[in-house]
């Protein structure tokens, strides 16, 4: 069963408009959805890093990329 999340946030109008311009968002919902998607991706990345921490062996690292 899919769930819908609802969040209520108060943000001052000027900083919000500046962020919209900086992100080139046309609508408030577009900006909010973009920010939520970025946060979800950040959380997924951190989760993946935590689960793989310490699993690489020294011979598996390519120091040219470091």
Protein backbone atom coordinates (compact mmCIF):
# COMPACT_ATOMS: atom_id res chain seq x y z
CA UNK A 1 0.00 0.00 0.00
CA UNK A 2 1.54 3.30 -1.10
CA UNK A 3 1.53 6.17 1.32
CA UNK A 4 1.60 9.88 0.70
CA UNK A 5 3.67 12.06 2.96
CA UNK A 6 2.50 15.54 3.90
CA UNK A 7 4.85 18.15 5.35
CA UNK A 8 4.05 21.68 6.44
CA UNK A 9 6.91 24.16 6.58
CA UNK A 10 7.01 27.92 6.95
CA UNK A 11 9.74 29.68 5.04
CA UNK A 12 10.26 33.40 4.61
CA UNK A 13 9.26 34.47 1.11
CA UNK A 14 12.46 36.28 0.06
CA UNK A 15 14.91 33.45 0.79
CA UNK A 16 12.50 31.01 -0.83
CA UNK A 17 12.24 33.12 -3.99
CA UNK A 18 16.02 33.48 -4.11
CA UNK A 19 16.40 29.73 -3.88
CA UNK A 20 13.82 29.27 -6.62
CA UNK A 21 15.77 31.63 -8.89
CA UNK A 22 19.09 29.98 -8.04
CA UNK A 23 17.69 26.52 -8.80
CA UNK A 24 15.75 27.81 -11.84
CA UNK A 25 12.52 26.33 -10.48
CA UNK A 26 9.36 27.64 -12.07
CA UNK A 27 6.99 26.65 -9.27
CA UNK A 28 7.24 26.18 -5.53
CA UNK A 29 6.21 22.54 -5.78
CA UNK A 30 8.90 21.91 -8.40
CA UNK A 31 11.55 23.30 -6.05
CA UNK A 32 10.23 21.34 -3.07
CA UNK A 33 10.06 18.08 -5.04
CA UNK A 34 13.62 18.63 -6.29
CA UNK A 35 14.90 19.28 -2.77
CA UNK A 36 13.11 16.19 -1.44
CA UNK A 37 14.52 14.02 -4.23
CA UNK A 38 18.03 15.31 -3.51
CA UNK A 39 17.62 14.56 0.18
CA UNK A 40 16.38 11.03 -0.58
CA UNK A 41 19.41 10.46 -2.82
CA UNK A 42 21.75 11.80 -0.12
CA UNK A 43 20.24 9.43 2.46
CA UNK A 44 20.52 6.46 0.06
CA UNK A 45 24.18 7.32 -0.62
CA UNK A 46 25.00 7.54 3.08
CA UNK A 47 23.23 4.24 3.74
CA UNK A 48 25.24 2.57 0.96
CA UNK A 49 28.49 3.99 2.33
CA UNK A 50 27.68 2.76 5.84
CA UNK A 51 26.89 -0.75 4.63
CA UNK A 52 30.09 -1.01 2.57
CA UNK A 53 32.46 0.59 5.08
CA UNK A 54 35.49 -1.59 5.64
CA UNK A 55 34.68 -4.12 2.93
CA UNK A 56 37.41 -3.08 0.46
CA UNK A 57 40.82 -4.70 0.79
CA UNK A 58 44.01 -2.68 0.19
CA UNK A 59 44.82 -4.60 -3.02
CA UNK A 60 41.37 -3.69 -4.42
CA UNK A 61 42.04 0.04 -4.29
CA UNK A 62 43.39 1.80 -7.33
CA UNK A 63 45.48 4.63 -5.89
CA UNK A 64 45.52 6.44 -9.23
CA UNK A 65 41.92 7.44 -8.55
CA UNK A 66 42.61 8.75 -5.05
